[in-house]
Amino acid sequence: ATAIDINGTCDVSSTLTNASTAVNVAGKQTIWIPANAMTPTTSNPCADITAVETTSGRPDMYVLDFDKDSDEHAQFTVAFPKSWNAGTITFQAFWSGLAATTGVTWSLQGVGMPDNSTIDVAYGTAITVDDDAQGAVEEILVSPVATVTIGGSPVDNDLCFFRIYRDISDGDDDMAGDARLIGIRILFTTDAGNDA
């Protein structure tokens, strides 16, 4: 094999492969945060994690239930890889409703904290996304994506705290029953090939 030494930028206009396998390049990446990796907040919490059986021998749902009568919250943390560009993220809620129709408004906010700093800081701006049930209970519902700016101007090695809640005061939240959060997908952008 011939060694190729490139001194400078190499712009590949088609797919870059290694032994016919696509090479992972900087760009959009995904983190899945299941409901059982979240905890109800101390103040105004959602219900504790609950296992819901559909039918014996079929998938169980592990969910956090959010009430229709008041804003209830859960939180989780993410230490993003160093290759993250520290920019905005997007999220999608995966959920199920106890009512077969009508909608739910999910809201997410976050804040980043560097080494040797206080955790006692306010979250960034909450961003909402609306989604409607589609005619059946025990049905997977996937919200549209929404873009979130994480508070605190995060940098490499920050720990990011997130809070998710059901925004019952939003005009599109009209489901007359609990909304069951199964998890959320976070999409973030990398600007480096690895975390070195």
C-alpha atoms as a PDB file:
ATOM      1  CA  ALA A   1       0.000   0.000   0.000  1.00  0.00           C
ATOM      2  CA  THR A   2       1.114   3.553  -0.682  1.00  0.00           C
ATOM      3  CA  ALA A   3       1.248   6.023   2.207  1.00  0.00           C
ATOM      4  CA  ILE A   4      -0.322   9.398   1.474  1.00  0.00           C
ATOM      5  CA  ASP A   5       0.777  12.386   3.527  1.00  0.00           C
ATOM      6  CA  ILE A   6      -1.597  15.334   3.198  1.00  0.00           C
ATOM      7  CA  ASN A   7      -0.379  18.617   4.631  1.00  0.00           C
ATOM      8  CA  GLY A   8      -3.495  20.771   4.731  1.00  0.00           C
ATOM      9  CA  THR A   9      -7.234  20.392   4.296  1.00  0.00           C
ATOM     10  CA  CYS A  10      -8.560  17.427   2.334  1.00  0.00           C
ATOM     11  CA  ASP A  11     -12.096  17.995   1.049  1.00  0.00           C
ATOM     12  CA  VAL A  12     -13.872  14.760   0.099  1.00  0.00           C
ATOM     13  CA  SER A  13     -17.003  15.516  -1.926  1.00  0.00           C
ATOM     14  CA  SER A  14     -18.356  11.976  -1.799  1.00  0.00           C
ATOM     15  CA  THR A  15     -18.499   9.312   0.928  1.00  0.00           C
ATOM     16  CA  LEU A  16     -15.223   8.727   2.775  1.00  0.00           C
ATOM     17  CA  THR A  17     -14.714   5.008   3.424  1.00  0.00           C
ATOM     18  CA  ASN A  18     -12.198   2.712   5.071  1.00  0.00           C
ATOM     19  CA  ALA A  19     -12.190  -0.810   3.603  1.00  0.00           C
ATOM     20  CA  SER A  20     -15.657  -0.089   2.122  1.00  0.00           C
ATOM     21  CA  THR A  21     -17.050   1.038   5.512  1.00  0.00           C
ATOM     22  CA  ALA A  22     -18.164   4.653   5.868  1.00  0.00           C
ATOM     23  CA  VAL A  23     -15.870   6.715   8.094  1.00  0.00           C
ATOM     24  CA  ASN A  24     -17.551   8.549  10.964  1.00  0.00           C
ATOM     25  CA  VAL A  25     -17.043  12.279  10.486  1.00  0.00           C
ATOM     26  CA  ALA A  26     -17.864  15.349  12.573  1.00  0.00           C
ATOM     27  CA  GLY A  27     -21.521  16.344  12.424  1.00  0.00           C
ATOM     28  CA  LYS A  28     -24.849  15.381  14.003  1.00  0.00           C
ATOM     29  CA  GLN A  29     -24.730  12.772  16.780  1.00  0.00           C
ATOM     30  CA  THR A  30     -27.419  11.306  19.042  1.00  0.00           C
ATOM     31  CA  ILE A  31     -27.793  10.551  22.752  1.00  0.00           C
ATOM     32  CA  TRP A  32     -30.788   8.571  24.013  1.00  0.00           C
ATOM     33  CA  ILE A  33     -31.959   9.451  27.549  1.00  0.00           C
ATOM     34  CA  PRO A  34     -34.530   6.880  28.761  1.00  0.00           C
ATOM     35  CA  ALA A  35     -37.042   7.850  31.417  1.00  0.00           C
ATOM     36  CA  ASN A  36     -35.379   5.490  33.888  1.00  0.00           C
ATOM     37  CA  ALA A  37     -32.195   7.591  33.628  1.00  0.00           C
ATOM     38  CA  MET A  38     -34.139  10.628  34.886  1.00  0.00           C
ATOM     39  CA  THR A  39     -35.230  11.507  38.418  1.00  0.00           C
ATOM     40  CA  PRO A  40     -38.256  13.504  39.551  1.00  0.00           C
ATOM     41  CA  THR A  41     -37.162  16.908  40.858  1.00  0.00           C
ATOM     42  CA  THR A  42     -37.387  17.643  44.582  1.00  0.00           C
ATOM     43  CA  SER A  43     -39.798  20.529  43.997  1.00  0.00           C
ATOM     44  CA  ASN A  44     -42.847  19.980  41.772  1.00  0.00           C
ATOM     45  CA  PRO A  45     -41.847  16.446  40.756  1.00  0.00           C
ATOM     46  CA  CYS A  46     -43.451  14.119  38.248  1.00  0.00           C
ATOM     47  CA  ALA A  47     -44.394  10.617  39.406  1.00  0.00           C
ATOM     48  CA  ASP A  48     -41.654   8.108  40.201  1.00  0.00           C
ATOM     49  CA  ILE A  49     -40.487   5.741  37.498  1.00  0.00           C
ATOM     50  CA  THR A  50     -43.165   3.142  36.832  1.00  0.00           C
ATOM     51  CA  ALA A  51     -43.113  -0.149  34.955  1.00  0.00           C
ATOM     52  CA  VAL A  52     -46.244  -0.506  32.828  1.00  0.00           C
ATOM     53  CA  GLU A  53     -47.035  -3.902  31.353  1.00  0.00           C
ATOM     54  CA  THR A  54     -48.867  -3.939  28.054  1.00  0.00           C
ATOM     55  CA  THR A  55     -49.510  -7.694  27.685  1.00  0.00           C
ATOM     56  CA  SER A  56     -47.572 -10.508  29.354  1.00  0.00           C
ATOM     57  CA  GLY A  57     -44.566 -11.474  27.260  1.00  0.00           C
ATOM     58  CA  ARG A  58     -44.567  -8.177  25.365  1.00  0.00           C
ATOM     59  CA  PRO A  59     -42.529  -5.005  25.985  1.00  0.00           C
ATOM     60  CA  ASP A  60     -42.994  -3.230  29.298  1.00  0.00           C
ATOM     61  CA  MET A  61     -42.857   0.563  29.336  1.00  0.00           C
ATOM     62  CA  TYR A  62     -40.698   2.319  31.918  1.00  0.00           C
ATOM     63  CA  VAL A  63     -42.254   5.745  32.182  1.00  0.00           C
ATOM     64  CA  LEU A  64     -42.430   8.964  34.141  1.00  0.00           C
ATOM     65  CA  ASP A  65     -46.035  10.173  34.414  1.00  0.00           C
ATOM     66  CA  PHE A  66     -46.700  13.917  34.151  1.00  0.00           C
ATOM     67  CA  ASP A  67     -50.004  15.198  35.502  1.00  0.00           C
ATOM     68  CA  LYS A  68     -52.578  17.286  33.619  1.00  0.00           C
ATOM     69  CA  ASP A  69     -53.253  19.679  36.520  1.00  0.00           C
ATOM     70  CA  SER A  70     -49.831  21.195  37.300  1.00  0.00           C
ATOM     71  CA  ASP A  71     -46.362  21.538  35.780  1.00  0.00           C
ATOM     72  CA  GLU A  72     -44.333  18.539  36.942  1.00  0.00           C
ATOM     73  CA  HIS A  73     -40.604  18.095  36.392  1.00  0.00           C
ATOM     74  CA  ALA A  74     -37.804  15.564  36.040  1.00  0.00           C
ATOM     75  CA  GLN A  75     -34.073  16.107  35.610  1.00  0.00           C
ATOM     76  CA  PHE A  76     -31.000  14.361  34.228  1.00  0.00           C
ATOM     77  CA  THR A  77     -27.362  15.165  33.478  1.00  0.00           C
ATOM     78  CA  VAL A  78     -25.146  14.776  30.410  1.00  0.00           C
ATOM     79  CA  ALA A  79     -21.382  15.096  30.135  1.00  0.00           C
ATOM     80  CA  PHE A  80     -21.112  15.747  26.406  1.00  0.00           C
ATOM     81  CA  PRO A  81     -18.066  14.435  24.538  1.00  0.00           C
ATOM     82  CA  LYS A  82     -15.206  16.896  24.031  1.00  0.00           C
ATOM     83  CA  SER A  83     -15.903  16.740  20.300  1.00  0.00           C
ATOM     84  CA  TRP A  84     -19.230  18.545  20.877  1.00  0.00           C
ATOM     85  CA  ASN A  85     -19.135  22.026  19.377  1.00  0.00           C
ATOM     86  CA  ALA A  86     -20.777  23.470  22.548  1.00  0.00           C
ATOM     87  CA  GLY A  87     -23.589  24.872  20.400  1.00  0.00           C
ATOM     88  CA  THR A  88     -27.347  24.433  20.477  1.00  0.00           C
ATOM     89  CA  ILE A  89     -28.910  20.991  20.738  1.00  0.00           C
ATOM     90  CA  THR A  90     -32.239  19.645  19.554  1.00  0.00           C
ATOM     91  CA  PHE A  91     -34.527  17.218  21.340  1.00  0.00           C
ATOM     92  CA  GLN A  92     -37.484  14.949  20.643  1.00  0.00           C
ATOM     93  CA  ALA A  93     -39.812  13.494  23.257  1.00  0.00           C
ATOM     94  CA  PHE A  94     -40.858   9.851  23.003  1.00  0.00           C
ATOM     95  CA  TRP A  95     -44.044   9.369  24.998  1.00  0.00           C
ATOM     96  CA  SER A  96     -47.431   7.730  25.358  1.00  0.00           C
ATOM     97  CA  GLY A  97     -50.740   9.163  26.529  1.00  0.00           C
ATOM     98  CA  LEU A  98     -53.439   7.893  28.831  1.00  0.00           C
ATOM     99  CA  ALA A  99     -55.931   9.581  26.510  1.00  0.00           C
ATOM    100  CA  ALA A 100     -56.251   8.513  22.893  1.00  0.00           C
ATOM    101  CA  THR A 101     -56.480  12.021  21.444  1.00  0.00           C
ATOM    102  CA  THR A 102     -55.538  15.645  22.188  1.00  0.00           C
ATOM    103  CA  GLY A 103     -52.095  17.019  22.862  1.00  0.00           C
ATOM    104  CA  VAL A 104     -49.202  17.501  25.262  1.00  0.00           C
ATOM    105  CA  THR A 105     -46.553  20.228  25.436  1.00  0.00           C
ATOM    106  CA  TRP A 106     -43.084  19.112  26.509  1.00  0.00           C
ATOM    107  CA  SER A 107     -40.517  21.642  27.670  1.00  0.00           C
ATOM    108  CA  LEU A 108     -36.744  21.237  28.091  1.00  0.00           C
ATOM    109  CA  GLN A 109     -34.146  23.566  29.583  1.00  0.00           C
ATOM    110  CA  GLY A 110     -30.484  23.075  30.444  1.00  0.00           C
ATOM    111  CA  VAL A 111     -27.420  24.677  31.978  1.00  0.00           C
ATOM    112  CA  GLY A 112     -23.716  23.805  31.777  1.00  0.00           C
ATOM    113  CA  MET A 113     -21.285  23.969  34.702  1.00  0.00           C
ATOM    114  CA  PRO A 114     -17.476  23.838  34.503  1.00  0.00           C
ATOM    115  CA  ASP A 115     -15.028  22.368  36.995  1.00  0.00           C
ATOM    116  CA  ASN A 116     -14.806  24.212  40.326  1.00  0.00           C
ATOM    117  CA  SER A 117     -18.100  26.096  39.936  1.00  0.00           C
ATOM    118  CA  THR A 118     -21.382  26.129  41.826  1.00  0.00           C
ATOM    119  CA  ILE A 119     -24.297  23.950  40.816  1.00  0.00           C
ATOM    120  CA  ASP A 120     -26.689  26.485  42.358  1.00  0.00           C
ATOM    121  CA  VAL A 121     -27.495  28.299  39.101  1.00  0.00           C
ATOM    122  CA  ALA A 122     -30.637  28.847  37.063  1.00  0.00           C
ATOM    123  CA  TYR A 123     -31.486  26.766  34.007  1.00  0.00           C
ATOM    124  CA  GLY A 124     -31.403  28.323  30.567  1.00  0.00           C
ATOM    125  CA  THR A 125     -34.531  29.285  28.644  1.00  0.00           C
ATOM    126  CA  ALA A 126     -37.166  26.544  28.442  1.00  0.00           C
ATOM    127  CA  ILE A 127     -38.120  25.496  24.920  1.00  0.00           C
ATOM    128  CA  THR A 128     -41.432  23.773  24.209  1.00  0.00           C
ATOM    129  CA  VAL A 129     -42.565  21.278  21.628  1.00  0.00           C
ATOM    130  CA  ASP A 130     -46.194  20.273  21.001  1.00  0.00           C
ATOM    131  CA  ASP A 131     -47.330  16.809  20.013  1.00  0.00           C
ATOM    132  CA  ASP A 132     -50.741  15.151  19.647  1.00  0.00           C
ATOM    133  CA  ALA A 133     -51.916  11.641  20.400  1.00  0.00           C
ATOM    134  CA  GLN A 134     -52.971   9.850  17.255  1.00  0.00           C
ATOM    135  CA  GLY A 135     -55.936   7.729  18.220  1.00  0.00           C
ATOM    136  CA  ALA A 136     -54.809   4.973  20.607  1.00  0.00           C
ATOM    137  CA  VAL A 137     -53.416   4.530  24.091  1.00  0.00           C
ATOM    138  CA  GLU A 138     -50.197   2.539  24.617  1.00  0.00           C
ATOM    139  CA  GLU A 139     -48.969   3.999  21.350  1.00  0.00           C
ATOM    140  CA  ILE A 140     -45.473   5.385  20.809  1.00  0.00           C
ATOM    141  CA  LEU A 141     -45.621   9.091  20.040  1.00  0.00           C
ATOM    142  CA  VAL A 142     -42.564  10.984  18.783  1.00  0.00           C
ATOM    143  CA  SER A 143     -42.627  14.757  18.968  1.00  0.00           C
ATOM    144  CA  PRO A 144     -41.161  17.136  16.403  1.00  0.00           C
ATOM    145  CA  VAL A 145     -37.670  18.413  17.184  1.00  0.00           C
ATOM    146  CA  ALA A 146     -37.053  21.658  19.066  1.00  0.00           C
ATOM    147  CA  THR A 147     -33.815  23.621  19.420  1.00  0.00           C
ATOM    148  CA  VAL A 148     -32.460  24.377  22.898  1.00  0.00           C
ATOM    149  CA  THR A 149     -29.712  26.795  23.903  1.00  0.00           C
ATOM    150  CA  ILE A 150     -27.993  25.486  27.038  1.00  0.00           C
ATOM    151  CA  GLY A 151     -27.476  28.180  29.670  1.00  0.00           C
ATOM    152  CA  GLY A 152     -24.132  28.998  31.234  1.00  0.00           C
ATOM    153  CA  SER A 153     -22.132  29.189  27.963  1.00  0.00           C
ATOM    154  CA  PRO A 154     -20.916  25.568  28.149  1.00  0.00           C
ATOM    155  CA  VAL A 155     -17.378  24.542  27.205  1.00  0.00           C
ATOM    156  CA  ASP A 156     -15.430  21.254  27.096  1.00  0.00           C
ATOM    157  CA  ASN A 157     -15.761  19.096  30.229  1.00  0.00           C
ATOM    158  CA  ASP A 158     -18.868  20.891  31.519  1.00  0.00           C
ATOM    159  CA  LEU A 159     -21.548  18.847  33.211  1.00  0.00           C
ATOM    160  CA  CYS A 160     -24.907  19.822  31.767  1.00  0.00           C
ATOM    161  CA  PHE A 161     -28.029  19.601  33.908  1.00  0.00           C
ATOM    162  CA  PHE A 162     -31.391  19.339  32.149  1.00  0.00           C
ATOM    163  CA  ARG A 163     -34.969  19.697  33.357  1.00  0.00           C
ATOM    164  CA  ILE A 164     -37.934  18.406  31.375  1.00  0.00           C
ATOM    165  CA  TYR A 165     -41.541  19.089  32.217  1.00  0.00           C
ATOM    166  CA  ARG A 166     -45.066  19.080  30.893  1.00  0.00           C
ATOM    167  CA  ASP A 167     -46.191  22.671  30.321  1.00  0.00           C
ATOM    168  CA  ILE A 168     -49.887  22.412  31.164  1.00  0.00           C
ATOM    169  CA  SER A 169     -50.428  26.178  30.779  1.00  0.00           C
ATOM    170  CA  ASP A 170     -49.571  26.011  27.073  1.00  0.00           C
ATOM    171  CA  GLY A 171     -52.659  26.307  24.890  1.00  0.00           C
ATOM    172  CA  ASP A 172     -51.784  23.129  23.001  1.00  0.00           C
ATOM    173  CA  ASP A 173     -51.619  20.992  26.167  1.00  0.00           C
ATOM    174  CA  ASP A 174     -55.163  19.703  26.481  1.00  0.00           C
ATOM    175  CA  MET A 175     -54.812  15.974  27.182  1.00  0.00           C
ATOM    176  CA  ALA A 176     -57.219  15.047  29.984  1.00  0.00           C
ATOM    177  CA  GLY A 177     -54.892  12.545  31.627  1.00  0.00           C
ATOM    178  CA  ASP A 178     -51.270  11.793  32.423  1.00  0.00           C
ATOM    179  CA  ALA A 179     -48.605  11.995  29.740  1.00  0.00           C
ATOM    180  CA  ARG A 180     -46.116   9.144  30.022  1.00  0.00           C
ATOM    181  CA  LEU A 181     -42.555  10.060  29.097  1.00  0.00           C
ATOM    182  CA  ILE A 182     -40.567   7.101  27.769  1.00  0.00           C
ATOM    183  CA  GLY A 183     -37.417   9.087  27.005  1.00  0.00           C
ATOM    184  CA  ILE A 184     -35.913  11.834  24.890  1.00  0.00           C
ATOM    185  CA  ARG A 185     -33.455  11.897  22.046  1.00  0.00           C
ATOM    186  CA  ILE A 186     -30.847  14.662  22.088  1.00  0.00           C
ATOM    187  CA  LEU A 187     -29.073  15.576  18.873  1.00  0.00           C
ATOM    188  CA  PHE A 188     -25.832  17.554  19.104  1.00  0.00           C
ATOM    189  CA  THR A 189     -23.139  18.586  16.620  1.00  0.00           C
ATOM    190  CA  THR A 190     -19.483  17.590  16.781  1.00  0.00           C
ATOM    191  CA  ASP A 191     -16.639  19.594  15.246  1.00  0.00           C
ATOM    192  CA  ALA A 192     -13.793  17.105  15.837  1.00  0.00           C
ATOM    193  CA  GLY A 193     -13.165  13.521  14.812  1.00  0.00           C
ATOM    194  CA  ASN A 194     -12.593  12.256  18.362  1.00  0.00           C
ATOM    195  CA  ASP A 195     -12.298  13.350  21.989  1.00  0.00           C
ATOM    196  CA  ALA A 196      -8.502  13.569  22.216  1.00  0.00           C
END
